[in-house]
Amino acid sequence: MIEEEQEEDGSSAFIVSFPDLDNVFTEGDTLVEAVKHAGEVLVSMLWIFEEKGIVFSPPSPVSILKDRLKEGDSLVLIEVDTVKDGLE
């Protein structure tokens, strides 16, 4: 989920959270930057889970996630490939 926050100086920041991953966040000064950072964070977290043998569930269905959105929030699909994009 991406939430746009207004800074005190009038600029915006985009905060990214992952509803199915506790305490995993990132941000960006622009929406494009926030989505880029989200992909980097997600592939890193999933790669770590795979390396440590941590089992994780598939993403929650959109029908469930959309009920959690606050006004102004966006739900964005971030698709990564931990084999291709994983850290070496």
N, C-alpha and C. Protein backbone atom coordinates (compact mmCIF):
# COMPACT_ATOMS: atom_id res chain seq x y z
N MET A 1 0.84 -1.16 0.00
CA MET A 1 0.00 0.00 0.00
C MET A 1 0.89 1.23 0.00
N ILE A 2 0.46 2.24 -0.71
CA ILE A 2 1.22 3.48 -0.77
C ILE A 2 0.34 4.62 -0.27
N GLU A 3 0.90 5.36 0.68
CA GLU A 3 0.19 6.49 1.27
C GLU A 3 0.99 7.75 0.99
N GLU A 4 0.32 8.76 0.46
CA GLU A 4 1.00 10.04 0.23
C GLU A 4 0.85 10.89 1.49
N GLU A 5 1.98 11.37 1.99
CA GLU A 5 1.97 12.24 3.17
C GLU A 5 2.49 13.61 2.78
N GLN A 6 1.83 14.62 3.29
CA GLN A 6 2.27 15.99 3.06
C GLN A 6 3.27 16.38 4.14
N GLU A 7 4.42 16.87 3.72
CA GLU A 7 5.45 17.32 4.64
C GLU A 7 5.14 18.75 5.09
N GLU A 8 5.77 19.18 6.17
CA GLU A 8 5.53 20.52 6.69
C GLU A 8 5.88 21.61 5.68
N ASP A 9 6.87 21.34 4.82
CA ASP A 9 7.28 22.34 3.83
C ASP A 9 6.40 22.34 2.58
N GLY A 10 5.35 21.51 2.58
CA GLY A 10 4.42 21.45 1.45
C GLY A 10 4.75 20.38 0.43
N SER A 11 5.92 19.77 0.54
CA SER A 11 6.28 18.70 -0.39
C SER A 11 5.57 17.40 0.02
N SER A 12 5.63 16.43 -0.84
CA SER A 12 5.00 15.13 -0.57
C SER A 12 6.06 14.06 -0.36
N ALA A 13 5.69 13.04 0.38
CA ALA A 13 6.49 11.83 0.52
C ALA A 13 5.53 10.67 0.35
N PHE A 14 6.01 9.61 -0.23
CA PHE A 14 5.18 8.43 -0.47
C PHE A 14 5.71 7.30 0.41
N ILE A 15 4.87 6.83 1.33
CA ILE A 15 5.23 5.80 2.28
C ILE A 15 4.65 4.48 1.80
N VAL A 16 5.49 3.45 1.71
CA VAL A 16 5.07 2.13 1.23
C VAL A 16 5.07 1.15 2.39
N SER A 17 3.97 0.42 2.53
CA SER A 17 3.91 -0.67 3.51
C SER A 17 3.49 -1.93 2.79
N PHE A 18 3.79 -3.05 3.38
CA PHE A 18 3.47 -4.35 2.81
C PHE A 18 2.51 -5.05 3.77
N PRO A 19 1.21 -5.10 3.43
CA PRO A 19 0.21 -5.63 4.36
C PRO A 19 0.49 -7.04 4.86
N ASP A 20 1.18 -7.85 4.07
CA ASP A 20 1.43 -9.23 4.46
C ASP A 20 2.80 -9.44 5.10
N LEU A 21 3.57 -8.38 5.23
CA LEU A 21 4.90 -8.46 5.85
C LEU A 21 4.95 -7.45 6.99
N ASP A 22 5.04 -7.93 8.20
CA ASP A 22 5.08 -7.05 9.36
C ASP A 22 6.34 -6.21 9.39
N ASN A 23 6.18 -4.94 9.72
CA ASN A 23 7.29 -4.01 9.93
C ASN A 23 8.23 -3.88 8.74
N VAL A 24 7.68 -3.97 7.54
CA VAL A 24 8.48 -3.76 6.33
C VAL A 24 7.92 -2.51 5.65
N PHE A 25 8.76 -1.48 5.53
CA PHE A 25 8.35 -0.20 4.98
C PHE A 25 9.46 0.34 4.10
N THR A 26 9.11 1.25 3.22
CA THR A 26 10.07 2.05 2.48
C THR A 26 9.37 3.34 2.08
N GLU A 27 10.07 4.19 1.35
CA GLU A 27 9.48 5.47 0.98
C GLU A 27 10.16 6.00 -0.27
N GLY A 28 9.61 7.09 -0.76
CA GLY A 28 10.20 7.78 -1.89
C GLY A 28 9.68 9.20 -1.96
N ASP A 29 10.45 10.08 -2.58
CA ASP A 29 10.01 11.47 -2.74
C ASP A 29 8.94 11.58 -3.83
N THR A 30 8.94 10.62 -4.77
CA THR A 30 7.93 10.58 -5.83
C THR A 30 7.28 9.19 -5.81
N LEU A 31 6.14 9.08 -6.46
CA LEU A 31 5.47 7.79 -6.54
C LEU A 31 6.34 6.78 -7.28
N VAL A 32 6.98 7.19 -8.36
CA VAL A 32 7.85 6.30 -9.13
C VAL A 32 9.01 5.81 -8.26
N GLU A 33 9.61 6.71 -7.50
CA GLU A 33 10.72 6.33 -6.61
C GLU A 33 10.24 5.37 -5.52
N ALA A 34 9.06 5.62 -4.98
CA ALA A 34 8.52 4.75 -3.93
C ALA A 34 8.27 3.34 -4.46
N VAL A 35 7.73 3.23 -5.66
CA VAL A 35 7.48 1.91 -6.26
C VAL A 35 8.81 1.19 -6.53
N LYS A 36 9.80 1.92 -7.01
CA LYS A 36 11.14 1.33 -7.24
C LYS A 36 11.72 0.80 -5.94
N HIS A 37 11.65 1.60 -4.89
CA HIS A 37 12.17 1.17 -3.59
C HIS A 37 11.38 -0.02 -3.05
N ALA A 38 10.08 -0.04 -3.31
CA ALA A 38 9.25 -1.16 -2.85
C ALA A 38 9.72 -2.47 -3.48
N GLY A 39 10.04 -2.45 -4.76
CA GLY A 39 10.54 -3.65 -5.42
C GLY A 39 11.86 -4.11 -4.83
N GLU A 40 12.74 -3.16 -4.54
CA GLU A 40 14.04 -3.49 -3.96
C GLU A 40 13.88 -4.11 -2.56
N VAL A 41 13.01 -3.51 -1.75
CA VAL A 41 12.79 -4.02 -0.39
C VAL A 41 12.13 -5.39 -0.44
N LEU A 42 11.12 -5.53 -1.29
CA LEU A 42 10.39 -6.80 -1.37
C LEU A 42 11.29 -7.94 -1.82
N VAL A 43 12.08 -7.73 -2.85
CA VAL A 43 12.95 -8.81 -3.32
C VAL A 43 13.98 -9.16 -2.26
N SER A 44 14.48 -8.16 -1.55
CA SER A 44 15.46 -8.43 -0.48
C SER A 44 14.84 -9.24 0.65
N MET A 45 13.65 -8.85 1.10
CA MET A 45 12.98 -9.57 2.19
C MET A 45 12.65 -11.01 1.78
N LEU A 46 12.11 -11.19 0.60
CA LEU A 46 11.75 -12.54 0.16
C LEU A 46 13.00 -13.40 -0.05
N TRP A 47 14.06 -12.80 -0.53
CA TRP A 47 15.31 -13.53 -0.71
C TRP A 47 15.83 -14.01 0.65
N ILE A 48 15.78 -13.14 1.65
CA ILE A 48 16.21 -13.51 3.01
C ILE A 48 15.34 -14.64 3.55
N PHE A 49 14.02 -14.53 3.37
CA PHE A 49 13.12 -15.59 3.81
C PHE A 49 13.49 -16.92 3.17
N GLU A 50 13.73 -16.91 1.86
CA GLU A 50 14.09 -18.14 1.15
C GLU A 50 15.41 -18.70 1.66
N GLU A 51 16.40 -17.84 1.84
CA GLU A 51 17.71 -18.28 2.31
C GLU A 51 17.64 -18.90 3.70
N LYS A 52 16.79 -18.36 4.56
CA LYS A 52 16.66 -18.86 5.94
C LYS A 52 15.60 -19.94 6.08
N GLY A 53 14.92 -20.28 4.99
CA GLY A 53 13.89 -21.31 5.03
C GLY A 53 12.63 -20.88 5.73
N ILE A 54 12.38 -19.57 5.79
CA ILE A 54 11.17 -19.05 6.43
C ILE A 54 10.01 -19.18 5.44
N VAL A 55 8.97 -19.85 5.88
CA VAL A 55 7.79 -20.04 5.03
C VAL A 55 6.93 -18.79 5.10
N PHE A 56 6.48 -18.32 3.95
CA PHE A 56 5.59 -17.17 3.92
C PHE A 56 4.41 -17.47 3.02
N SER A 57 3.31 -16.82 3.33
CA SER A 57 2.06 -17.05 2.59
C SER A 57 2.05 -16.24 1.31
N PRO A 58 1.22 -16.66 0.35
CA PRO A 58 1.05 -15.83 -0.84
C PRO A 58 0.36 -14.52 -0.45
N PRO A 59 0.43 -13.52 -1.31
CA PRO A 59 -0.19 -12.23 -0.99
C PRO A 59 -1.69 -12.37 -0.74
N SER A 60 -2.20 -11.50 0.12
CA SER A 60 -3.64 -11.46 0.38
C SER A 60 -4.38 -11.03 -0.88
N PRO A 61 -5.59 -11.52 -1.06
CA PRO A 61 -6.39 -11.10 -2.23
C PRO A 61 -6.71 -9.61 -2.17
N VAL A 62 -6.81 -9.00 -3.33
CA VAL A 62 -7.15 -7.57 -3.42
C VAL A 62 -8.47 -7.29 -2.72
N SER A 63 -9.41 -8.21 -2.79
CA SER A 63 -10.72 -7.99 -2.17
C SER A 63 -10.61 -7.76 -0.67
N ILE A 64 -9.62 -8.35 -0.04
CA ILE A 64 -9.40 -8.14 1.40
C ILE A 64 -8.61 -6.85 1.63
N LEU A 65 -7.58 -6.64 0.84
CA LEU A 65 -6.72 -5.48 1.03
C LEU A 65 -7.44 -4.16 0.78
N LYS A 66 -8.33 -4.12 -0.19
CA LYS A 66 -8.99 -2.85 -0.52
C LYS A 66 -9.81 -2.32 0.64
N ASP A 67 -10.27 -3.20 1.52
CA ASP A 67 -11.04 -2.76 2.69
C ASP A 67 -10.15 -2.07 3.72
N ARG A 68 -8.86 -2.25 3.64
CA ARG A 68 -7.92 -1.63 4.58
C ARG A 68 -7.44 -0.26 4.12
N LEU A 69 -7.73 0.11 2.87
CA LEU A 69 -7.24 1.37 2.34
C LEU A 69 -7.94 2.55 2.99
N LYS A 70 -7.15 3.57 3.31
CA LYS A 70 -7.70 4.83 3.77
C LYS A 70 -7.85 5.74 2.55
N GLU A 71 -8.63 6.76 2.68
CA GLU A 71 -8.80 7.70 1.57
C GLU A 71 -7.44 8.25 1.14
N GLY A 72 -7.17 8.20 -0.15
CA GLY A 72 -5.91 8.69 -0.69
C GLY A 72 -4.83 7.63 -0.82
N ASP A 73 -5.01 6.47 -0.20
CA ASP A 73 -4.04 5.38 -0.32
C ASP A 73 -4.20 4.69 -1.67
N SER A 74 -3.14 4.03 -2.10
CA SER A 74 -3.17 3.26 -3.34
C SER A 74 -2.69 1.85 -3.07
N LEU A 75 -3.26 0.93 -3.78
CA LEU A 75 -2.82 -0.46 -3.72
C LEU A 75 -2.09 -0.74 -5.03
N VAL A 76 -0.81 -1.10 -4.95
CA VAL A 76 0.03 -1.27 -6.13
C VAL A 76 0.64 -2.66 -6.11
N LEU A 77 0.53 -3.37 -7.22
CA LEU A 77 1.15 -4.69 -7.34
C LEU A 77 2.64 -4.50 -7.58
N ILE A 78 3.44 -5.11 -6.73
CA ILE A 78 4.90 -5.10 -6.88
C ILE A 78 5.31 -6.54 -7.17
N GLU A 79 5.74 -6.78 -8.39
CA GLU A 79 6.11 -8.13 -8.80
C GLU A 79 7.63 -8.22 -8.88
N VAL A 80 8.18 -9.24 -8.21
CA VAL A 80 9.63 -9.45 -8.22
C VAL A 80 9.92 -10.92 -8.47
N ASP A 81 11.13 -11.17 -8.89
CA ASP A 81 11.61 -12.54 -9.13
C ASP A 81 12.86 -12.72 -8.26
N THR A 82 12.75 -13.48 -7.18
CA THR A 82 13.88 -13.62 -6.27
C THR A 82 15.04 -14.38 -6.86
N VAL A 83 14.81 -15.15 -7.91
CA VAL A 83 15.91 -15.85 -8.57
C VAL A 83 16.65 -14.87 -9.48
N LYS A 84 15.91 -14.16 -10.30
CA LYS A 84 16.52 -13.23 -11.24
C LYS A 84 17.02 -11.97 -10.54
N ASP A 85 16.22 -11.43 -9.60
CA ASP A 85 16.53 -10.14 -8.97
C ASP A 85 17.24 -10.30 -7.63
N GLY A 86 17.40 -11.50 -7.16
CA GLY A 86 17.96 -11.71 -5.82
C GLY A 86 19.39 -11.25 -5.68
N LEU A 87 19.78 -11.05 -4.46
CA LEU A 87 21.13 -10.63 -4.19
C LEU A 87 22.07 -11.80 -4.39
N GLU A 88 23.21 -11.55 -4.91
CA GLU A 88 24.17 -12.63 -5.17
C GLU A 88 25.28 -12.58 -4.16
